[in-house]
Structure formats: C-alpha cells, structure tokens
C-alpha cells in the first residue's frame, strides 16, 4: 500500500498543480478579456467621438454651402432687379417727348459747345443737333441720345451721350438705389 499512497500523493499533487494552473489561466484569460473590453470601449468611444465630429463638420459645411447658395441666388435676383431698373431708365429716356428731348439737348449743347469745334449725335437727333448747335456736324454715333463734342484735332472728346450719363449716374448711385429697393 505504500506505492498506492505515493501514487495518490503524486496524483493529488498533480491535480492540485492542474487546478492551480487552471486558476492562473482563468485569471489571465479574465484579465486579457477585461483589457480587451476596455480597449474595445476606448476604440468605440474614439470612433463615436470621431463620427460625431465628422457629422458636425459635414453639417457645418452643408449649412455654409446652403447659405452661400442662398446669398448667391439673392445677389443674382437683386442684380436682375437693378438691371431691369437700368433698362427701364434707358426706355424712359428713349421715350421722352420730342419737346423734352430738344430741351435736354439744347441745355447740353449750350453748356458745352464752347469746348469743341465738332459735334456728333445719333441719327435720330442729327437734324435737331444741326439746328441747335453752331459747331460743325461731324457725323453719327451709336447711342440712345445726347451728343459728343470734339476739339479740332480730335484729341479731346467730351461724351455727353445719354448712355454715358446714365451709366455714370447708375454707377454713382448703385448703392443708394440698392438700399432703396432692398433696404
């Protein structure tokens, strides 16, 4: 029976050793799983934070893009309105009654004919300009009305066409016109 006791002691020691190794293995597995869970939570949290940041950034970009598009559309609409106002001004000048056209041309010519020796006008105003001015009539220019006065050698040209006058007035009062129309 001595051999059986020795075998039993060896088996008990081996069993105790196996139990201890299993306990250590279980503890190590448990620690590895805990570390993996913690790492997974951290990765998930980081990924979630990055996704939220990406969503915020995309939302801001989309909002900015939409605001820019609205501003662009608003500016285009305002430009169309201002262009229409300009076109209506041109039409109003063209539609001035003959008497008003004559008064306007007479005032321009009287004020400026001392600055030149030749005068130009559009074809429709040629007869009237010849009648109102003592300057040499030099020909027609493409304009809606008004006159161009030139010195003898052509080095100085004073453009009093309605086109230029209207363009200058439009440029100078564009902001004021815009403020009146759009606040």
N, C-alpha and C. Protein backbone atom coordinates (compact mmCIF):
# COMPACT_ATOMS: atom_id res chain seq x y z
N UNK A 1 0.79 -1.19 0.00
CA UNK A 1 0.00 0.00 0.00
C UNK A 1 0.83 1.25 0.00
N UNK A 2 2.01 1.14 0.19
CA UNK A 2 2.88 2.28 0.19
C UNK A 2 2.96 2.90 -1.20
N UNK A 3 2.92 2.03 -2.23
CA UNK A 3 3.01 2.53 -3.59
C UNK A 3 1.73 3.26 -3.97
N UNK A 4 0.62 2.76 -3.50
CA UNK A 4 -0.65 3.40 -3.79
C UNK A 4 -0.72 4.76 -3.11
N UNK A 5 -0.15 4.89 -1.96
CA UNK A 5 -0.15 6.15 -1.25
C UNK A 5 0.72 7.14 -2.00
N UNK A 6 1.85 6.68 -2.51
CA UNK A 6 2.76 7.55 -3.24
C UNK A 6 2.07 8.01 -4.53
N UNK A 7 1.42 7.05 -5.23
CA UNK A 7 0.73 7.38 -6.47
C UNK A 7 -0.39 8.36 -6.17
N UNK A 8 -1.11 8.12 -5.07
CA UNK A 8 -2.20 9.01 -4.71
C UNK A 8 -1.67 10.39 -4.38
N UNK A 9 -0.55 10.45 -3.66
CA UNK A 9 0.05 11.75 -3.34
C UNK A 9 0.49 12.47 -4.62
N UNK A 10 1.08 11.72 -5.55
CA UNK A 10 1.53 12.31 -6.82
C UNK A 10 0.32 12.80 -7.59
N UNK A 11 -0.75 11.97 -7.61
CA UNK A 11 -1.96 12.35 -8.33
C UNK A 11 -2.60 13.57 -7.67
N UNK A 12 -2.62 13.58 -6.33
CA UNK A 12 -3.20 14.74 -5.64
C UNK A 12 -2.37 15.99 -5.91
N UNK A 13 -1.05 15.83 -5.90
CA UNK A 13 -0.17 16.97 -6.17
C UNK A 13 -0.35 17.44 -7.61
N UNK A 14 -0.45 16.49 -8.54
CA UNK A 14 -0.64 16.82 -9.95
C UNK A 14 -1.99 17.51 -10.14
N UNK A 15 -3.03 16.95 -9.44
CA UNK A 15 -4.36 17.55 -9.53
C UNK A 15 -4.34 18.95 -8.96
N UNK A 16 -3.64 19.16 -7.85
CA UNK A 16 -3.53 20.49 -7.25
C UNK A 16 -2.79 21.41 -8.19
N UNK A 17 -1.74 20.90 -8.82
CA UNK A 17 -0.96 21.68 -9.78
C UNK A 17 -1.83 22.06 -10.98
N UNK A 18 -2.64 21.11 -11.49
CA UNK A 18 -3.54 21.37 -12.62
C UNK A 18 -4.57 22.40 -12.22
N UNK A 19 -5.12 22.29 -11.02
CA UNK A 19 -6.12 23.24 -10.53
C UNK A 19 -5.50 24.63 -10.42
N UNK A 20 -4.27 24.69 -9.92
CA UNK A 20 -3.59 25.98 -9.79
C UNK A 20 -3.31 26.59 -11.17
N UNK A 21 -2.83 25.74 -12.11
CA UNK A 21 -2.54 26.22 -13.46
C UNK A 21 -3.83 26.70 -14.12
N UNK A 22 -4.94 25.93 -13.93
CA UNK A 22 -6.24 26.33 -14.50
C UNK A 22 -6.71 27.65 -13.89
N UNK A 23 -6.51 27.80 -12.58
CA UNK A 23 -6.92 29.04 -11.91
C UNK A 23 -6.10 30.22 -12.44
N UNK A 24 -4.79 29.98 -12.59
CA UNK A 24 -3.93 31.06 -13.15
C UNK A 24 -4.34 31.38 -14.57
N UNK A 25 -4.62 30.34 -15.36
CA UNK A 25 -5.03 30.52 -16.75
C UNK A 25 -6.36 31.28 -16.81
N UNK A 26 -7.30 30.88 -15.92
CA UNK A 26 -8.59 31.57 -15.88
C UNK A 26 -8.41 33.04 -15.50
N UNK A 27 -7.52 33.28 -14.52
CA UNK A 27 -7.27 34.66 -14.10
C UNK A 27 -6.63 35.46 -15.24
N UNK A 28 -5.70 34.83 -15.97
CA UNK A 28 -5.05 35.51 -17.08
C UNK A 28 -6.04 35.76 -18.22
N UNK A 29 -6.88 34.76 -18.49
CA UNK A 29 -7.91 34.92 -19.53
C UNK A 29 -8.86 36.04 -19.14
N UNK A 30 -9.25 36.07 -17.87
CA UNK A 30 -10.15 37.09 -17.37
C UNK A 30 -9.52 38.48 -17.52
N UNK A 31 -8.21 38.57 -17.17
CA UNK A 31 -7.51 39.85 -17.29
C UNK A 31 -7.41 40.27 -18.77
N UNK A 32 -7.09 39.33 -19.65
CA UNK A 32 -7.00 39.63 -21.09
C UNK A 32 -8.36 40.09 -21.61
N UNK A 33 -9.43 39.40 -21.19
CA UNK A 33 -10.78 39.79 -21.64
C UNK A 33 -11.15 41.18 -21.13
N UNK A 34 -10.80 41.46 -19.86
CA UNK A 34 -11.08 42.79 -19.31
C UNK A 34 -10.32 43.86 -20.08
N UNK A 35 -9.04 43.60 -20.37
CA UNK A 35 -8.25 44.57 -21.15
C UNK A 35 -8.84 44.74 -22.54
N UNK A 36 -9.28 43.62 -23.16
CA UNK A 36 -9.87 43.69 -24.50
C UNK A 36 -11.17 44.50 -24.46
N UNK A 37 -11.99 44.28 -23.41
CA UNK A 37 -13.24 45.03 -23.27
C UNK A 37 -12.95 46.53 -23.11
N UNK A 38 -11.96 46.84 -22.25
CA UNK A 38 -11.58 48.24 -22.03
C UNK A 38 -11.08 48.86 -23.34
N UNK A 39 -10.24 48.10 -24.04
CA UNK A 39 -9.72 48.60 -25.32
C UNK A 39 -10.85 48.79 -26.32
N UNK A 40 -11.78 47.84 -26.37
CA UNK A 40 -12.92 47.95 -27.28
C UNK A 40 -13.78 49.16 -26.93
N UNK A 41 -14.01 49.40 -25.61
CA UNK A 41 -14.78 50.57 -25.19
C UNK A 41 -14.09 51.85 -25.62
N UNK A 42 -12.75 51.89 -25.43
CA UNK A 42 -12.00 53.08 -25.81
C UNK A 42 -12.07 53.31 -27.32
N UNK A 43 -11.86 52.23 -28.09
CA UNK A 43 -11.93 52.34 -29.55
C UNK A 43 -13.33 52.78 -29.97
N UNK A 44 -14.36 52.18 -29.35
CA UNK A 44 -15.73 52.55 -29.68
C UNK A 44 -16.00 54.01 -29.34
N UNK A 45 -15.52 54.44 -28.16
CA UNK A 45 -15.70 55.83 -27.76
C UNK A 45 -14.98 56.78 -28.70
N UNK A 46 -13.74 56.44 -29.05
CA UNK A 46 -12.98 57.27 -30.00
C UNK A 46 -13.67 57.33 -31.36
N UNK A 47 -14.14 56.17 -31.82
CA UNK A 47 -14.83 56.12 -33.12
C UNK A 47 -16.11 56.93 -33.09
N UNK A 48 -16.83 56.81 -31.98
CA UNK A 48 -18.08 57.57 -31.84
C UNK A 48 -17.80 59.07 -31.81
N UNK A 49 -16.77 59.48 -31.06
CA UNK A 49 -16.42 60.90 -30.99
C UNK A 49 -15.98 61.40 -32.36
N UNK A 50 -15.20 60.60 -33.09
CA UNK A 50 -14.75 61.00 -34.43
C UNK A 50 -15.95 61.11 -35.38
N UNK A 51 -16.86 60.14 -35.28
CA UNK A 51 -18.06 60.17 -36.12
C UNK A 51 -18.90 61.41 -35.81
N UNK A 52 -19.05 61.74 -34.52
CA UNK A 52 -19.81 62.94 -34.16
C UNK A 52 -19.12 64.20 -34.67
N UNK A 53 -17.78 64.25 -34.57
CA UNK A 53 -17.04 65.40 -35.10
C UNK A 53 -17.21 65.50 -36.61
N UNK A 54 -17.14 64.35 -37.30
CA UNK A 54 -17.33 64.34 -38.76
C UNK A 54 -18.73 64.81 -39.13
N UNK A 55 -19.72 64.38 -38.36
CA UNK A 55 -21.10 64.80 -38.62
C UNK A 55 -21.25 66.31 -38.41
N UNK A 56 -20.66 66.82 -37.33
CA UNK A 56 -20.71 68.27 -37.07
C UNK A 56 -20.06 69.04 -38.22
N UNK A 57 -18.87 68.57 -38.61
CA UNK A 57 -18.14 69.24 -39.68
C UNK A 57 -18.94 69.21 -40.98
N UNK A 58 -19.49 68.05 -41.32
CA UNK A 58 -20.30 67.94 -42.55
C UNK A 58 -21.53 68.83 -42.47
N UNK A 59 -22.16 68.86 -41.30
CA UNK A 59 -23.35 69.70 -41.13
C UNK A 59 -22.98 71.17 -41.32
N UNK A 60 -21.84 71.59 -40.73
CA UNK A 60 -21.39 72.98 -40.90
C UNK A 60 -21.08 73.28 -42.35
N UNK A 61 -20.43 72.33 -43.04
CA UNK A 61 -20.11 72.54 -44.45
C UNK A 61 -21.38 72.66 -45.27
N UNK A 62 -22.34 71.79 -45.02
CA UNK A 62 -23.60 71.83 -45.76
C UNK A 62 -24.35 73.12 -45.48
N UNK A 63 -24.35 73.55 -44.22
CA UNK A 63 -25.03 74.79 -43.85
C UNK A 63 -24.35 75.97 -44.53
N UNK A 64 -23.02 75.99 -44.47
CA UNK A 64 -22.28 77.08 -45.12
C UNK A 64 -22.53 77.09 -46.61
N UNK A 65 -22.51 75.92 -47.21
CA UNK A 65 -22.76 75.82 -48.65
C UNK A 65 -24.17 76.30 -49.00
N UNK A 66 -25.15 75.89 -48.20
CA UNK A 66 -26.53 76.32 -48.45
C UNK A 66 -26.67 77.83 -48.27
N UNK A 67 -26.03 78.38 -47.22
CA UNK A 67 -26.08 79.84 -47.00
C UNK A 67 -25.44 80.58 -48.16
N UNK A 68 -24.32 80.06 -48.64
CA UNK A 68 -23.63 80.68 -49.78
C UNK A 68 -24.52 80.64 -51.02
N UNK A 69 -25.18 79.53 -51.24
CA UNK A 69 -26.06 79.40 -52.40
C UNK A 69 -27.24 80.37 -52.29
N UNK A 70 -27.78 80.52 -51.08
CA UNK A 70 -28.89 81.47 -50.87
C UNK A 70 -28.41 82.89 -51.14
N UNK A 71 -27.21 83.23 -50.63
CA UNK A 71 -26.66 84.58 -50.87
C UNK A 71 -26.44 84.81 -52.36
N UNK A 72 -25.91 83.79 -53.03
CA UNK A 72 -25.66 83.91 -54.47
C UNK A 72 -26.98 84.13 -55.21
N UNK A 73 -27.99 83.35 -54.87
CA UNK A 73 -29.30 83.50 -55.53
C UNK A 73 -29.90 84.87 -55.23
N UNK A 74 -29.75 85.33 -53.99
CA UNK A 74 -30.27 86.65 -53.62
C UNK A 74 -29.56 87.74 -54.40
N UNK A 75 -28.23 87.65 -54.47
CA UNK A 75 -27.47 88.66 -55.22
C UNK A 75 -27.83 88.64 -56.70
N UNK A 76 -28.00 87.46 -57.26
CA UNK A 76 -28.40 87.37 -58.67
C UNK A 76 -29.77 87.98 -58.90
N UNK A 77 -30.69 87.72 -57.97
CA UNK A 77 -32.04 88.29 -58.09
C UNK A 77 -31.97 89.82 -57.98
N UNK A 78 -31.15 90.31 -57.03
CA UNK A 78 -31.01 91.77 -56.89
C UNK A 78 -30.39 92.37 -58.14
N UNK A 79 -29.39 91.70 -58.68
CA UNK A 79 -28.75 92.21 -59.90
C UNK A 79 -29.76 92.27 -61.04
N UNK A 80 -30.60 91.24 -61.15
CA UNK A 80 -31.63 91.26 -62.19
C UNK A 80 -32.57 92.44 -62.01
N UNK A 81 -32.96 92.71 -60.77
CA UNK A 81 -33.86 93.85 -60.50
C UNK A 81 -33.16 95.16 -60.85
N UNK A 82 -31.89 95.30 -60.43
CA UNK A 82 -31.15 96.54 -60.73
C UNK A 82 -30.95 96.70 -62.24
N UNK A 83 -30.69 95.60 -62.94
CA UNK A 83 -30.56 95.66 -64.40
C UNK A 83 -31.89 96.08 -65.03
N UNK A 84 -32.99 95.58 -64.48
CA UNK A 84 -34.30 95.95 -65.01
C UNK A 84 -34.57 97.44 -64.77
N UNK A 85 -34.18 97.94 -63.59
CA UNK A 85 -34.34 99.37 -63.30
C UNK A 85 -33.52 100.18 -64.31
N UNK A 86 -32.29 99.75 -64.58
CA UNK A 86 -31.44 100.44 -65.56
C UNK A 86 -32.09 100.41 -66.94
N UNK A 87 -32.58 99.24 -67.35
CA UNK A 87 -33.23 99.11 -68.66
C UNK A 87 -34.47 100.01 -68.74
N UNK A 88 -35.23 100.07 -67.64
CA UNK A 88 -36.41 100.95 -67.62
C UNK A 88 -36.00 102.41 -67.75
N UNK A 89 -34.86 102.77 -67.15
CA UNK A 89 -34.36 104.15 -67.26
C UNK A 89 -34.01 104.46 -68.71
N UNK A 90 -33.34 103.52 -69.36
CA UNK A 90 -32.98 103.71 -70.78
C UNK A 90 -34.26 103.89 -71.60
N UNK A 91 -35.25 103.02 -71.36
CA UNK A 91 -36.52 103.11 -72.10
C UNK A 91 -37.22 104.45 -71.84
N UNK A 92 -37.15 104.93 -70.60
CA UNK A 92 -37.78 106.21 -70.27
C UNK A 92 -37.11 107.36 -71.00
N UNK A 93 -35.79 107.32 -71.10
CA UNK A 93 -35.06 108.37 -71.81
C UNK A 93 -35.39 108.33 -73.29
N UNK A 94 -35.40 107.13 -73.86
CA UNK A 94 -35.72 107.00 -75.28
C UNK A 94 -37.14 107.48 -75.56
N UNK A 95 -38.04 107.26 -74.61
CA UNK A 95 -39.45 107.61 -74.81
C UNK A 95 -39.78 109.05 -74.44
N UNK A 96 -38.76 109.86 -74.09
CA UNK A 96 -39.04 111.25 -73.76
C UNK A 96 -39.71 111.94 -74.95
N UNK A 97 -40.68 112.78 -74.67
CA UNK A 97 -41.33 113.52 -75.77
C UNK A 97 -40.31 114.40 -76.51
N UNK A 98 -40.59 114.69 -77.75
CA UNK A 98 -39.68 115.47 -78.60
C UNK A 98 -39.32 116.80 -77.96
N UNK A 99 -40.27 117.44 -77.33
CA UNK A 99 -40.02 118.74 -76.69
C UNK A 99 -38.98 118.59 -75.57
N UNK A 100 -39.14 117.56 -74.76
CA UNK A 100 -38.18 117.31 -73.66
C UNK A 100 -36.80 116.96 -74.23
N UNK A 101 -36.79 116.15 -75.29
CA UNK A 101 -35.51 115.79 -75.93
C UNK A 101 -34.80 117.06 -76.39
N UNK A 102 -35.56 117.96 -77.02
CA UNK A 102 -34.98 119.21 -77.52
C UNK A 102 -34.45 120.06 -76.37
N UNK A 103 -35.20 120.19 -75.30
CA UNK A 103 -34.75 120.98 -74.14
C UNK A 103 -33.46 120.41 -73.56
N UNK A 104 -33.41 119.11 -73.44
CA UNK A 104 -32.24 118.44 -72.86
C UNK A 104 -31.01 118.63 -73.76
N UNK A 105 -31.17 118.41 -75.05
CA UNK A 105 -30.05 118.60 -75.98
C UNK A 105 -29.60 120.06 -76.01
N UNK A 106 -30.56 120.97 -75.99
CA UNK A 106 -30.24 122.40 -76.01
C UNK A 106 -29.40 122.76 -74.79
N UNK A 107 -29.79 122.28 -73.62
CA UNK A 107 -29.04 122.58 -72.39
C UNK A 107 -27.62 122.01 -72.46
N UNK A 108 -27.48 120.78 -72.94
CA UNK A 108 -26.15 120.16 -73.05
C UNK A 108 -25.29 120.94 -74.04
N UNK A 109 -25.84 121.26 -75.17
CA UNK A 109 -25.08 121.96 -76.21
C UNK A 109 -24.68 123.36 -75.75
N UNK A 110 -25.62 124.12 -75.20
CA UNK A 110 -25.31 125.48 -74.76
C UNK A 110 -24.22 125.49 -73.70
N UNK A 111 -24.25 124.51 -72.82
CA UNK A 111 -23.27 124.47 -71.74
C UNK A 111 -21.89 124.03 -72.21
N UNK A 112 -21.81 123.27 -73.31
CA UNK A 112 -20.53 122.64 -73.65
C UNK A 112 -19.98 122.91 -75.05
N UNK A 113 -20.71 123.60 -75.91
CA UNK A 113 -20.20 123.74 -77.27
C UNK A 113 -18.97 124.65 -77.36
N UNK A 114 -18.71 125.45 -76.35
CA UNK A 114 -17.51 126.27 -76.32
C UNK A 114 -16.25 125.44 -76.14
N UNK A 115 -16.38 124.16 -75.80
CA UNK A 115 -15.24 123.28 -75.55
C UNK A 115 -14.78 122.51 -76.78
N UNK A 116 -15.40 122.76 -77.94
CA UNK A 116 -15.02 121.99 -79.12
C UNK A 116 -15.37 122.69 -80.40
N UNK A 117 -15.08 121.98 -81.50
CA UNK A 117 -15.39 122.55 -82.81
C UNK A 117 -16.23 121.61 -83.66
N UNK A 118 -16.39 120.36 -83.22
CA UNK A 118 -17.19 119.37 -83.96
C UNK A 118 -18.19 118.75 -83.00
N UNK A 119 -19.31 118.31 -83.56
CA UNK A 119 -20.33 117.68 -82.74
C UNK A 119 -20.88 116.45 -83.45
N UNK A 120 -21.18 115.43 -82.65
CA UNK A 120 -21.74 114.17 -83.15
C UNK A 120 -23.04 113.90 -82.39
N UNK A 121 -23.94 113.14 -83.02
CA UNK A 121 -25.16 112.70 -82.34
C UNK A 121 -25.62 111.40 -82.98
N UNK A 122 -26.70 110.85 -82.44
CA UNK A 122 -27.25 109.68 -83.11
C UNK A 122 -28.03 110.13 -84.34
N UNK A 123 -28.36 109.19 -85.19
CA UNK A 123 -29.03 109.51 -86.47
C UNK A 123 -30.37 110.22 -86.24
N UNK A 124 -31.12 109.77 -85.21
CA UNK A 124 -32.45 110.35 -84.96
C UNK A 124 -32.38 111.81 -84.53
N UNK A 125 -31.29 112.21 -83.88
CA UNK A 125 -31.17 113.58 -83.37
C UNK A 125 -30.37 114.49 -84.30
N UNK A 126 -29.89 113.97 -85.41
CA UNK A 126 -29.00 114.75 -86.28
C UNK A 126 -29.60 116.10 -86.69
N UNK A 127 -30.81 116.09 -87.16
CA UNK A 127 -31.43 117.33 -87.64
C UNK A 127 -31.57 118.34 -86.50
N UNK A 128 -32.00 117.88 -85.34
CA UNK A 128 -32.17 118.76 -84.19
C UNK A 128 -30.83 119.32 -83.72
N UNK A 129 -29.80 118.50 -83.67
CA UNK A 129 -28.47 118.95 -83.23
C UNK A 129 -27.91 119.97 -84.22
N UNK A 130 -28.09 119.73 -85.51
CA UNK A 130 -27.63 120.71 -86.52
C UNK A 130 -28.32 122.06 -86.30
N UNK A 131 -29.59 122.02 -85.92
CA UNK A 131 -30.35 123.24 -85.71
C UNK A 131 -29.91 123.96 -84.43
N UNK A 132 -29.61 123.17 -83.35
CA UNK A 132 -29.30 123.77 -82.06
C UNK A 132 -27.84 124.20 -81.90
N UNK A 133 -26.94 123.62 -82.69
CA UNK A 133 -25.52 123.87 -82.46
C UNK A 133 -24.88 124.67 -83.59
N UNK A 134 -23.91 125.49 -83.20
CA UNK A 134 -23.15 126.25 -84.20
C UNK A 134 -21.89 125.48 -84.60
N UNK A 135 -21.64 124.33 -83.98
CA UNK A 135 -20.45 123.54 -84.29
C UNK A 135 -20.65 122.77 -85.59
N UNK A 136 -19.52 122.38 -86.18
CA UNK A 136 -19.55 121.58 -87.41
C UNK A 136 -20.10 120.19 -87.05
N UNK A 137 -21.12 119.75 -87.79
CA UNK A 137 -21.68 118.43 -87.53
C UNK A 137 -20.75 117.41 -88.18
N UNK A 138 -20.19 116.49 -87.36
CA UNK A 138 -19.16 115.57 -87.84
C UNK A 138 -19.66 114.17 -88.11
N UNK A 139 -20.88 113.85 -87.76
CA UNK A 139 -21.40 112.51 -88.06
C UNK A 139 -22.21 111.92 -86.93
N UNK A 140 -22.57 110.67 -87.17
CA UNK A 140 -23.42 109.95 -86.22
C UNK A 140 -22.59 109.02 -85.34
N UNK A 141 -23.08 108.86 -84.11
CA UNK A 141 -22.51 107.89 -83.18
C UNK A 141 -23.64 106.97 -82.73
N UNK A 142 -23.27 105.78 -82.33
CA UNK A 142 -24.25 104.81 -81.88
C UNK A 142 -24.57 105.07 -80.41
N UNK A 143 -25.71 105.65 -80.14
CA UNK A 143 -26.12 105.96 -78.76
C UNK A 143 -27.63 106.15 -78.74
N UNK A 144 -28.19 106.24 -77.53
CA UNK A 144 -29.64 106.44 -77.42
C UNK A 144 -30.01 107.91 -77.51
N UNK A 145 -29.04 108.78 -77.39
CA UNK A 145 -29.28 110.22 -77.47
C UNK A 145 -28.10 110.98 -76.91
N UNK A 146 -28.20 112.30 -76.98
CA UNK A 146 -27.12 113.13 -76.48
C UNK A 146 -26.14 113.47 -77.60
N UNK A 147 -25.00 114.04 -77.20
CA UNK A 147 -24.01 114.46 -78.19
C UNK A 147 -22.59 114.15 -77.70
N UNK A 148 -21.67 114.13 -78.67
CA UNK A 148 -20.25 114.05 -78.38
C UNK A 148 -19.64 115.30 -79.00
N UNK A 149 -18.87 116.04 -78.22
CA UNK A 149 -18.22 117.26 -78.70
C UNK A 149 -16.73 117.00 -78.75
N UNK A 150 -16.12 117.42 -79.87
CA UNK A 150 -14.70 117.12 -80.08
C UNK A 150 -13.97 118.39 -80.48
N UNK A 151 -12.70 118.50 -80.06
CA UNK A 151 -11.92 119.66 -80.49
C UNK A 151 -11.47 119.46 -81.93
N UNK A 152 -10.80 120.48 -82.47
CA UNK A 152 -10.45 120.50 -83.89
C UNK A 152 -9.58 119.32 -84.33
N UNK A 153 -8.56 118.99 -83.52
CA UNK A 153 -7.65 117.91 -83.93
C UNK A 153 -8.07 116.54 -83.40
N UNK A 154 -9.19 116.46 -82.71
CA UNK A 154 -9.72 115.18 -82.24
C UNK A 154 -9.04 114.62 -81.00
N UNK A 155 -8.22 115.42 -80.34
CA UNK A 155 -7.52 114.92 -79.15
C UNK A 155 -8.38 114.97 -77.90
N UNK A 156 -9.39 115.80 -77.91
CA UNK A 156 -10.29 115.90 -76.76
C UNK A 156 -11.70 115.60 -77.24
N UNK A 157 -12.30 114.61 -76.58
CA UNK A 157 -13.68 114.23 -76.91
C UNK A 157 -14.50 114.26 -75.63
N UNK A 158 -15.51 115.06 -75.61
CA UNK A 158 -16.40 115.14 -74.45
C UNK A 158 -17.68 114.37 -74.79
N UNK A 159 -17.89 113.31 -74.05
CA UNK A 159 -19.02 112.42 -74.34
C UNK A 159 -20.20 112.78 -73.45
N UNK A 160 -21.20 113.41 -74.04
CA UNK A 160 -22.43 113.76 -73.33
C UNK A 160 -23.59 112.95 -73.89
N UNK A 161 -23.30 111.70 -74.27
CA UNK A 161 -24.39 110.84 -74.73
C UNK A 161 -25.16 110.38 -73.51
N UNK A 162 -26.44 110.14 -73.71
CA UNK A 162 -27.28 109.70 -72.60
C UNK A 162 -26.78 108.37 -72.04
N UNK A 163 -26.21 107.55 -72.93
CA UNK A 163 -25.68 106.25 -72.50
C UNK A 163 -24.63 106.44 -71.40
N UNK A 164 -23.67 107.33 -71.66
CA UNK A 164 -22.58 107.57 -70.71
C UNK A 164 -23.09 108.27 -69.46
N UNK A 165 -23.95 109.24 -69.64
CA UNK A 165 -24.51 109.96 -68.49
C UNK A 165 -25.27 108.99 -67.60
N UNK A 166 -26.10 108.15 -68.21
CA UNK A 166 -26.88 107.18 -67.44
C UNK A 166 -25.97 106.15 -66.77
N UNK A 167 -24.95 105.71 -67.49
CA UNK A 167 -24.01 104.74 -66.91
C UNK A 167 -23.30 105.34 -65.69
N UNK A 168 -22.85 106.59 -65.81
CA UNK A 168 -22.17 107.25 -64.68
C UNK A 168 -23.11 107.45 -63.49
N UNK A 169 -24.32 107.89 -63.77
CA UNK A 169 -25.30 108.08 -62.69
C UNK A 169 -25.60 106.74 -62.04
N UNK A 170 -25.75 105.70 -62.84
CA UNK A 170 -26.03 104.37 -62.31
C UNK A 170 -24.90 103.89 -61.41
N UNK A 171 -23.66 104.05 -61.84
CA UNK A 171 -22.51 103.62 -61.04
C UNK A 171 -22.42 104.40 -59.73
N UNK A 172 -22.68 105.71 -59.81
CA UNK A 172 -22.56 106.55 -58.62
C UNK A 172 -23.70 106.31 -57.62
N UNK A 173 -24.85 105.91 -58.11
CA UNK A 173 -25.99 105.77 -57.21
C UNK A 173 -26.43 104.32 -57.04
N UNK A 174 -25.59 103.37 -57.45
CA UNK A 174 -25.96 101.97 -57.37
C UNK A 174 -26.25 101.53 -55.93
N UNK A 175 -25.41 101.92 -55.00
CA UNK A 175 -25.62 101.53 -53.60
C UNK A 175 -26.90 102.17 -53.05
N UNK A 176 -27.09 103.44 -53.35
CA UNK A 176 -28.28 104.14 -52.87
C UNK A 176 -29.54 103.50 -53.48
N UNK A 177 -29.49 103.18 -54.76
CA UNK A 177 -30.62 102.53 -55.42
C UNK A 177 -30.90 101.17 -54.79
N UNK A 178 -29.82 100.42 -54.55
CA UNK A 178 -29.94 99.12 -53.91
C UNK A 178 -30.55 99.24 -52.52
N UNK A 179 -30.09 100.24 -51.76
CA UNK A 179 -30.64 100.45 -50.42
C UNK A 179 -32.13 100.79 -50.47
N UNK A 180 -32.52 101.60 -51.44
CA UNK A 180 -33.92 101.98 -51.57
C UNK A 180 -34.77 100.76 -51.93
N UNK A 181 -34.26 99.95 -52.86
CA UNK A 181 -35.03 98.80 -53.32
C UNK A 181 -35.04 97.64 -52.32
N UNK A 182 -33.91 97.42 -51.66
CA UNK A 182 -33.77 96.21 -50.84
C UNK A 182 -33.57 96.48 -49.35
N UNK A 183 -33.49 97.74 -48.97
CA UNK A 183 -33.35 98.07 -47.56
C UNK A 183 -31.94 97.85 -47.03
